Amino acid sequence: MHVSATRVLFPQPRIVIALKISRILSFFTAISLTFWLDGCTNLSYYAQAIDGQMEILRRAQPISMIVADPSADKTLKRALSKVVLLREFATHDLKLPDNKSYTSYADLKRPYVIWNVYVTPEFSTELKKWCFVVAGCVDYRGFFSKEEAENFAKELKSEGYDVHVGGIRAYSTLGWFDDPVLNTFIGYSEIELARLIFHELAHQVVYVQDDSVFNESFATMVEQEGISRWLENNGTVEQQGAFDAKQNRKAVFTKLISNYRKRLKELFSSRVNDSEKRASKRHIFSELREEFSQIKAANAEFGSYDQWFARQLNNALLATISTYTQLVSVFRTLLVQQGGDMERFYDTVKGISKLTKNERNSALRVSSDQRRDVAKKRIQVEPI
C-alpha cells in the first residue's frame, strides 16, 4: 500500500515517544547484560557509546520541519528534499522498512559520527575482534570521541600492534533507533546518498550476528539493485556512467589491496625471522604505493584514493578494505529466482538467515550452483 510522505514525516508525537522509550529500555537491557557478562573493565566504553547515541537522538529534528523553515539553509533543504524522495523510493519500490529512519536530520558539529579503531598483530592480516550483545562480534572498536579513539589506539600501538583509526560518516543501529540523516554525509552526491540509505536499511531487514560476509553481501546487493532501479526511473545516462565508472575503480582498488594482503599473509606464515619479516613488510608496502602510482598514471580518476594512500600503510589499514561482498552474485541469483520481487526475496533471505552458519553456506552454495548451471545451459544453446 502506498504511504504518503505526510505519514512518514508527521508521526503522532505520543506514539513516537512511547516507541523511543521502549527501544531505549530494550537497548539498556542489552547493555546491562553486557556489563554482567563482561564485568566492569569496559564500563567506560559502553557509557561513551550510550552517551554518543543519546546525543544523536537529542539533536535529531524532523526533516519536514527543516524543509518548511524559511530560515533554514537552502542547500541543506535541497539535499534533505532529495532524501525524502529516496526514502519514499526505498519503502515503495524496494520494500525496505517503513519506519522513521532517515526521516530526521542531526547536525553533530563534527566531520564524523564515530571513529573506529582497527587492530592487527604485527605479523597478521586478520583484524582483532570485539564482541557485543547487540551487534555480535565486529572487527573494530568504535568511539564517539576522536580523542578517546586515539588514546585507545596509542595503548595498543605501545603493545606492538598495527593500528589504524578511521573516521566513519554513517552507521546503522540495526533498527534499535530511528537513524537520522547526519551532517557527516548530507553533502554526498544523490547516488551516494541513495547507496548509503538503501544499504543501511537493508541491514534492518536481515542481520546475522558474527557473519559479516552474509550481512554485507546482502546489503550490497540491495544497494546495487536499488541504485539500478532509481537510475532507471529518475537518473540520467551521465549518472549511470559515472556510477559504473566508480564501481569499476572500486573493484580495481579492492583487488589491488587484496593482492597485497595475500602477499603479507604468505610472508607472515613463512619461517623467516622477525627482522626479515619487518624488512619484507616495508618493501611490500613500498611496492603497493608504486603499483598504485602506475594505476593512477593510466587513469587520473584514481586520484580519489590519494587520501587513503596518504596514511601510514600497515596491516590494519589494509584489512579495513574488506572483501565481504563475495556473495553478492549469489544474492542476485536469489532475487532473479523470485522474479525480481523484493518482498519474496527478503522472505527467502530471512529463511536462510535462521539456519546455522554451515547450513547457510550450504544453501547459498546450492543457489550458486544453480546459477552456474543456468549460465552453462545458456552458453550451450547460443548459436556459434
Protein backbone atom coordinates (compact mmCIF):
# COMPACT_ATOMS: atom_id res chain seq x y z
CA MET A 1 0.00 0.00 0.00
CA HIS A 2 1.31 3.46 -0.87
CA VAL A 3 2.24 5.51 2.18
CA SER A 4 2.20 9.27 1.77
CA ALA A 5 5.10 11.49 2.74
CA THR A 6 2.82 13.08 5.33
CA ARG A 7 2.53 9.81 7.20
CA VAL A 8 6.27 9.30 7.03
CA LEU A 9 7.22 12.81 8.10
CA PHE A 10 4.49 13.75 10.59
CA PRO A 11 4.16 10.90 13.13
CA GLN A 12 1.97 11.17 16.22
CA PRO A 13 4.21 12.60 19.00
CA ARG A 14 2.94 10.36 21.82
CA ILE A 15 3.41 7.22 19.74
CA VAL A 16 6.95 8.24 18.79
CA ILE A 17 7.87 8.98 22.42
CA ALA A 18 6.50 5.63 23.56
CA LEU A 19 8.41 3.79 20.84
CA LYS A 20 11.65 5.60 21.68
CA ILE A 21 11.29 4.84 25.38
CA SER A 22 10.63 1.18 24.58
CA ARG A 23 13.66 0.95 22.31
CA ILE A 24 15.91 2.75 24.78
CA LEU A 25 14.83 0.42 27.60
CA SER A 26 15.47 -2.61 25.39
CA PHE A 27 18.87 -1.23 24.42
CA PHE A 28 19.81 -0.54 28.02
CA THR A 29 18.71 -4.06 28.97
CA ALA A 30 21.12 -5.45 26.38
CA ILE A 31 23.88 -3.16 27.63
CA SER A 32 23.20 -4.21 31.24
CA LEU A 33 23.51 -7.84 30.20
CA THR A 34 26.81 -6.97 28.56
CA PHE A 35 28.05 -5.42 31.81
CA TRP A 36 27.11 -8.62 33.64
CA LEU A 37 28.90 -10.79 31.10
CA ASP A 38 31.91 -8.56 30.64
CA GLY A 39 32.44 -7.23 34.14
CA CYS A 40 33.37 -3.59 34.81
CA THR A 41 36.50 -3.39 32.67
CA ASN A 42 34.62 -1.91 29.71
CA LEU A 43 32.12 0.16 31.71
CA SER A 44 33.51 3.49 30.48
CA TYR A 45 33.49 2.26 26.89
CA TYR A 46 29.80 1.33 26.99
CA ALA A 47 28.99 4.57 28.80
CA GLN A 48 30.52 6.66 26.00
CA ALA A 49 28.60 4.57 23.45
CA ILE A 50 25.30 5.25 25.23
CA ASP A 51 26.08 8.97 25.62
CA GLY A 52 27.05 9.24 21.97
CA GLN A 53 23.86 7.59 20.74
CA MET A 54 21.70 9.72 23.04
CA GLU A 55 23.38 12.87 21.72
CA ILE A 56 22.41 11.90 18.18
CA LEU A 57 18.80 11.35 19.22
CA ARG A 58 18.72 14.68 21.08
CA ARG A 59 19.98 16.58 18.06
CA ALA A 60 17.63 14.94 15.54
CA GLN A 61 14.91 17.15 14.04
CA PRO A 62 12.15 16.04 11.63
CA ILE A 63 13.20 16.75 8.06
CA SER A 64 9.71 18.13 7.39
CA MET A 65 10.28 20.91 9.93
CA ILE A 66 13.62 21.90 8.40
CA VAL A 67 12.29 21.88 4.83
CA ALA A 68 9.31 24.03 5.92
CA ASP A 69 11.53 26.51 7.80
CA PRO A 70 12.08 29.61 5.59
CA SER A 71 15.23 30.49 7.54
CA ALA A 72 16.90 27.09 7.03
CA ASP A 73 19.91 26.81 4.73
CA LYS A 74 18.71 26.39 1.13
CA THR A 75 21.43 23.91 0.18
CA LEU A 76 20.55 21.76 3.18
CA LYS A 77 16.85 21.93 2.33
CA ARG A 78 17.50 20.78 -1.24
CA ALA A 79 19.59 17.86 -0.04
CA LEU A 80 17.00 16.83 2.55
CA SER A 81 14.22 17.08 -0.04
CA LYS A 82 16.18 14.58 -2.14
CA VAL A 83 16.48 12.32 0.92
CA VAL A 84 12.68 12.39 1.28
CA LEU A 85 12.31 11.10 -2.28
CA LEU A 86 14.97 8.44 -1.77
CA ARG A 87 13.34 7.33 1.47
CA GLU A 88 9.94 7.01 -0.21
CA PHE A 89 11.53 5.06 -3.06
CA ALA A 90 13.22 2.72 -0.58
CA THR A 91 9.87 1.92 1.02
CA HIS A 92 7.62 1.75 -2.04
CA ASP A 93 9.93 0.32 -4.70
CA LEU A 94 12.49 -1.66 -2.71
CA LYS A 95 10.10 -2.70 0.08
CA LEU A 96 12.64 -1.69 2.71
CA PRO A 97 11.41 -0.99 6.28
CA ASP A 98 8.69 1.64 6.54
CA ASN A 99 9.89 3.32 9.71
CA LYS A 100 11.29 6.66 10.84
CA SER A 101 14.93 6.00 9.96
CA TYR A 102 16.28 8.78 7.69
CA THR A 103 13.20 10.98 8.22
CA SER A 104 15.05 13.27 10.65
CA TYR A 105 18.30 15.24 10.48
CA ALA A 106 21.03 15.81 13.07
CA ASP A 107 23.94 18.22 12.85
CA LEU A 108 26.64 16.79 15.12
CA LYS A 109 29.01 19.72 14.57
CA ARG A 110 31.83 17.37 13.64
CA PRO A 111 33.01 15.68 10.40
CA TYR A 112 32.49 12.08 11.54
CA VAL A 113 29.87 10.40 13.68
CA ILE A 114 32.33 7.91 15.21
CA TRP A 115 35.97 6.92 14.96
CA ASN A 116 36.73 3.22 14.59
CA VAL A 117 39.93 1.65 15.86
CA TYR A 118 41.16 -1.29 13.75
CA VAL A 119 43.87 -3.55 15.15
CA THR A 120 46.03 -6.43 13.89
CA PRO A 121 49.08 -8.15 15.36
CA GLU A 122 52.35 -7.01 13.82
CA PHE A 123 52.62 -10.17 11.73
CA SER A 124 48.99 -10.87 10.85
CA THR A 125 46.47 -9.65 8.30
CA GLU A 126 43.49 -10.58 10.50
CA LEU A 127 41.71 -7.84 12.43
CA LYS A 128 41.19 -8.26 16.16
CA LYS A 129 37.53 -8.81 17.04
CA TRP A 130 35.41 -7.37 19.83
CA CYS A 131 32.10 -8.96 20.75
CA PHE A 132 28.94 -7.20 21.92
CA VAL A 133 25.47 -8.36 22.84
CA VAL A 134 23.69 -6.12 20.34
CA ALA A 135 25.89 -6.37 17.23
CA GLY A 136 27.75 -9.61 17.83
CA CYS A 137 31.47 -9.75 17.02
CA VAL A 138 32.90 -6.96 14.87
CA ASP A 139 36.35 -6.10 13.51
CA TYR A 140 36.71 -2.71 15.20
CA ARG A 141 36.00 -0.73 18.33
CA GLY A 142 34.03 2.48 17.83
CA PHE A 143 34.28 5.75 19.78
CA PHE A 144 32.16 8.90 19.58
CA SER A 145 35.23 10.91 20.58
CA LYS A 146 38.28 11.15 18.33
CA GLU A 147 40.49 11.78 21.36
CA GLU A 148 39.27 8.61 23.11
CA ALA A 149 39.79 6.59 19.94
CA GLU A 150 43.33 7.88 19.53
CA ASN A 151 44.16 7.23 23.20
CA PHE A 152 42.92 3.66 22.87
CA ALA A 153 44.93 3.26 19.66
CA LYS A 154 48.06 4.61 21.37
CA GLU A 155 47.77 1.96 24.09
CA LEU A 156 47.55 -0.83 21.52
CA LYS A 157 50.44 0.58 19.47
CA SER A 158 52.61 0.55 22.60
CA GLU A 159 51.87 -3.19 22.85
CA GLY A 160 53.24 -3.74 19.34
CA TYR A 161 50.02 -3.93 17.34
CA ASP A 162 49.42 -2.40 13.92
CA VAL A 163 46.63 0.14 14.48
CA HIS A 164 44.51 2.36 12.27
CA VAL A 165 41.98 4.98 13.40
CA GLY A 166 39.36 5.79 10.78
CA GLY A 167 36.61 8.41 10.85
CA ILE A 168 33.17 6.99 9.98
CA ARG A 169 30.47 9.17 8.46
CA ALA A 170 27.49 6.83 8.93
CA TYR A 171 26.48 3.66 10.74
CA SER A 172 23.33 1.67 11.43
CA THR A 173 21.79 0.88 14.82
CA LEU A 174 20.12 -2.10 13.10
CA GLY A 175 16.65 -0.81 13.93
CA TRP A 176 17.23 -0.21 17.63
CA PHE A 177 16.73 3.50 16.99
CA ASP A 178 15.43 5.74 14.20
CA ASP A 179 18.71 6.52 12.44
CA PRO A 180 18.77 10.16 11.31
CA VAL A 181 20.42 11.71 8.29
CA LEU A 182 23.64 13.32 9.55
CA ASN A 183 25.67 16.38 8.59
CA THR A 184 28.59 13.97 8.15
CA PHE A 185 27.16 12.61 4.89
CA ILE A 186 24.42 15.00 3.75
CA GLY A 187 26.93 16.50 1.32
CA TYR A 188 27.17 13.24 -0.64
CA SER A 189 26.01 13.10 -4.24
CA GLU A 190 22.49 11.87 -4.96
CA ILE A 191 23.74 8.39 -5.88
CA GLU A 192 25.99 8.13 -2.82
CA LEU A 193 23.08 9.17 -0.59
CA ALA A 194 20.94 6.51 -2.26
CA ARG A 195 23.65 3.90 -1.80
CA LEU A 196 24.03 4.65 1.89
CA ILE A 197 20.30 4.77 2.68
CA PHE A 198 19.47 1.58 0.77
CA HIS A 199 22.45 -0.26 2.27
CA GLU A 200 21.79 0.69 5.88
CA LEU A 201 18.05 -0.01 5.64
CA ALA A 202 18.88 -3.43 4.21
CA HIS A 203 20.72 -4.21 7.45
CA GLN A 204 17.43 -3.61 9.25
CA VAL A 205 15.77 -6.31 7.12
CA VAL A 206 18.32 -9.04 7.84
CA TYR A 207 21.34 -9.04 10.13
CA VAL A 208 23.06 -12.21 11.31
CA GLN A 209 25.43 -11.90 14.25
CA ASP A 210 29.04 -12.84 13.52
CA ASP A 211 28.58 -13.27 9.75
CA SER A 212 29.90 -10.15 8.05
CA VAL A 213 30.15 -11.82 4.64
CA PHE A 214 26.44 -12.70 4.68
CA ASN A 215 25.34 -9.31 6.02
CA GLU A 216 27.48 -7.11 3.79
CA SER A 217 26.89 -9.14 0.64
CA PHE A 218 23.14 -8.96 1.17
CA ALA A 219 23.13 -5.22 1.90
CA THR A 220 25.44 -4.50 -1.05
CA MET A 221 23.19 -6.43 -3.43
CA VAL A 222 20.13 -4.49 -2.20
CA GLU A 223 22.09 -1.25 -2.55
CA GLN A 224 23.13 -2.05 -6.12
CA GLU A 225 19.64 -3.17 -7.13
CA GLY A 226 18.19 -0.05 -5.54
CA ILE A 227 20.54 2.29 -7.39
CA SER A 228 19.85 0.49 -10.67
CA ARG A 229 16.09 0.91 -10.21
CA TRP A 230 16.45 4.50 -9.03
CA LEU A 231 18.54 5.47 -12.05
CA GLU A 232 16.15 3.67 -14.38
CA ASN A 233 13.28 5.78 -13.08
CA ASN A 234 14.95 9.03 -12.05
CA GLY A 235 18.51 9.14 -13.34
CA THR A 236 20.40 10.27 -16.40
CA VAL A 237 22.80 8.49 -18.73
CA GLU A 238 25.62 10.57 -17.26
CA GLN A 239 24.77 9.49 -13.72
CA GLN A 240 24.67 5.83 -14.74
CA GLY A 241 28.02 6.16 -16.49
CA ALA A 242 29.60 7.89 -13.52
CA PHE A 243 28.25 5.26 -11.14
CA ASP A 244 29.51 2.38 -13.29
CA ALA A 245 32.95 4.00 -13.61
CA LYS A 246 33.17 4.48 -9.84
CA GLN A 247 32.18 0.86 -9.23
CA ASN A 248 34.89 -0.29 -11.65
CA ARG A 249 37.52 1.84 -9.90
CA LYS A 250 36.44 0.46 -6.54
CA ALA A 251 36.77 -3.10 -7.87
CA VAL A 252 40.30 -2.39 -9.15
CA PHE A 253 41.32 -0.79 -5.84
CA THR A 254 39.84 -3.63 -3.75
CA LYS A 255 41.59 -6.21 -5.92
CA LEU A 256 44.89 -4.35 -5.57
CA ILE A 257 44.66 -4.30 -1.78
CA SER A 258 43.54 -7.94 -1.68
CA ASN A 259 46.61 -8.99 -3.68
CA TYR A 260 48.97 -7.28 -1.29
CA ARG A 261 47.21 -8.67 1.77
CA LYS A 262 47.79 -12.12 0.30
CA ARG A 263 51.48 -11.35 -0.10
CA LEU A 264 51.67 -10.20 3.51
CA LYS A 265 49.86 -13.31 4.70
CA GLU A 266 52.36 -15.51 2.87
CA LEU A 267 55.22 -13.55 4.39
CA PHE A 268 53.87 -13.80 7.93
CA SER A 269 53.35 -17.56 7.63
CA SER A 270 56.91 -18.10 6.38
CA ARG A 271 59.77 -19.28 8.57
CA VAL A 272 61.99 -16.20 8.23
CA ASN A 273 62.88 -14.37 11.44
CA ASP A 274 61.07 -11.29 12.70
CA SER A 275 63.71 -8.84 11.47
CA GLU A 276 63.43 -10.20 7.94
CA LYS A 277 59.63 -10.09 8.15
CA ARG A 278 59.71 -6.42 9.15
CA ALA A 279 62.05 -5.55 6.27
CA SER A 280 59.96 -7.50 3.74
CA LYS A 281 56.79 -5.96 5.11
CA ARG A 282 58.14 -2.45 4.48
CA HIS A 283 59.18 -3.49 0.98
CA ILE A 284 55.69 -4.85 0.19
CA PHE A 285 54.07 -1.59 1.28
CA SER A 286 56.54 0.34 -0.88
CA GLU A 287 55.65 -1.82 -3.89
CA LEU A 288 51.93 -1.25 -3.20
CA ARG A 289 52.43 2.53 -3.37
CA GLU A 290 54.42 2.16 -6.59
CA GLU A 291 51.78 -0.01 -8.28
CA PHE A 292 49.04 2.42 -7.26
CA SER A 293 51.06 5.29 -8.77
CA GLN A 294 51.18 3.39 -12.06
CA ILE A 295 47.41 2.77 -11.98
CA LYS A 296 46.77 6.46 -11.31
CA ALA A 297 49.14 7.50 -14.10
CA ALA A 298 46.99 5.46 -16.51
CA ASN A 299 43.72 6.84 -15.12
CA ALA A 300 43.74 10.13 -13.22
CA GLU A 301 40.31 9.33 -11.71
CA PHE A 302 42.09 7.04 -9.27
CA GLY A 303 43.35 10.22 -7.62
CA SER A 304 40.24 9.87 -5.46
CA TYR A 305 42.26 7.31 -3.49
CA ASP A 306 45.16 9.67 -2.81
CA GLN A 307 43.86 10.45 0.67
CA TRP A 308 43.82 6.75 1.52
CA PHE A 309 47.44 6.33 0.40
CA ALA A 310 48.46 9.44 2.32
CA ARG A 311 48.01 7.44 5.52
CA GLN A 312 50.65 5.24 7.11
CA LEU A 313 50.33 1.84 5.46
CA ASN A 314 50.07 -1.06 7.89
CA ASN A 315 48.27 -4.38 8.28
CA ALA A 316 45.26 -2.80 9.99
CA LEU A 317 44.68 -0.20 7.27
CA LEU A 318 44.79 -2.80 4.51
CA ALA A 319 42.40 -5.01 6.46
CA THR A 320 39.76 -2.24 6.51
CA ILE A 321 39.31 -2.76 2.76
CA SER A 322 37.05 -5.73 3.23
CA THR A 323 36.27 -8.44 0.74
CA TYR A 324 32.96 -9.16 2.45
CA THR A 325 30.95 -8.89 -0.76
CA GLN A 326 31.80 -12.22 -2.40
CA LEU A 327 28.21 -13.46 -2.04
CA VAL A 328 26.64 -10.54 -3.93
CA SER A 329 26.17 -12.61 -7.10
CA VAL A 330 24.53 -15.39 -5.08
CA PHE A 331 22.01 -12.99 -3.55
CA ARG A 332 21.36 -11.58 -7.02
CA THR A 333 20.55 -15.10 -8.19
CA LEU A 334 18.06 -15.44 -5.33
CA LEU A 335 16.38 -12.20 -6.43
CA VAL A 336 16.15 -13.43 -10.03
CA GLN A 337 14.68 -16.71 -8.80
CA GLN A 338 11.97 -14.67 -7.07
CA GLY A 339 11.16 -12.84 -10.29
CA GLY A 340 12.68 -9.60 -9.02
CA ASP A 341 10.06 -9.40 -6.26
CA MET A 342 11.83 -7.74 -3.34
CA GLU A 343 9.41 -8.92 -0.65
CA ARG A 344 9.67 -12.56 -1.71
CA PHE A 345 13.45 -12.15 -1.95
CA TYR A 346 13.61 -10.81 1.62
CA ASP A 347 11.47 -13.69 2.89
CA THR A 348 13.85 -16.16 1.22
CA VAL A 349 16.92 -14.49 2.75
CA LYS A 350 15.28 -14.32 6.19
CA GLY A 351 14.65 -18.05 5.98
CA ILE A 352 18.29 -18.73 5.12
CA SER A 353 19.47 -16.37 7.87
CA LYS A 354 17.79 -18.52 10.53
CA LEU A 355 19.94 -21.53 9.62
CA THR A 356 23.24 -22.35 11.26
CA LYS A 357 26.30 -20.92 9.52
CA ASN A 358 27.14 -24.26 7.90
CA GLU A 359 23.54 -24.67 6.74
CA ARG A 360 23.51 -21.10 5.39
CA ASN A 361 26.68 -21.73 3.43
CA SER A 362 25.22 -24.95 2.02
CA ALA A 363 22.01 -23.21 0.97
CA LEU A 364 23.94 -20.41 -0.71
CA ARG A 365 26.23 -22.91 -2.47
CA VAL A 366 23.14 -24.63 -3.92
CA SER A 367 21.93 -21.28 -5.23
CA SER A 368 25.38 -20.52 -6.66
CA ASP A 369 25.50 -23.93 -8.36
CA GLN A 370 22.07 -23.32 -9.88
CA ARG A 371 23.31 -20.00 -11.24
CA ARG A 372 26.31 -21.67 -12.89
CA ASP A 373 24.11 -24.43 -14.35
CA VAL A 374 21.82 -21.84 -15.92
CA ALA A 375 24.82 -19.97 -17.33
CA LYS A 376 26.23 -23.19 -18.86
CA LYS A 377 22.90 -24.06 -20.48
CA ARG A 378 22.68 -20.56 -21.92
CA ILE A 379 26.15 -20.90 -23.43
CA GLN A 380 25.30 -24.32 -24.91
CA VAL A 381 22.17 -23.14 -26.70
CA GLU A 382 23.67 -19.92 -28.05
CA PRO A 383 24.48 -20.19 -31.78
CA ILE A 384 28.14 -20.00 -32.74
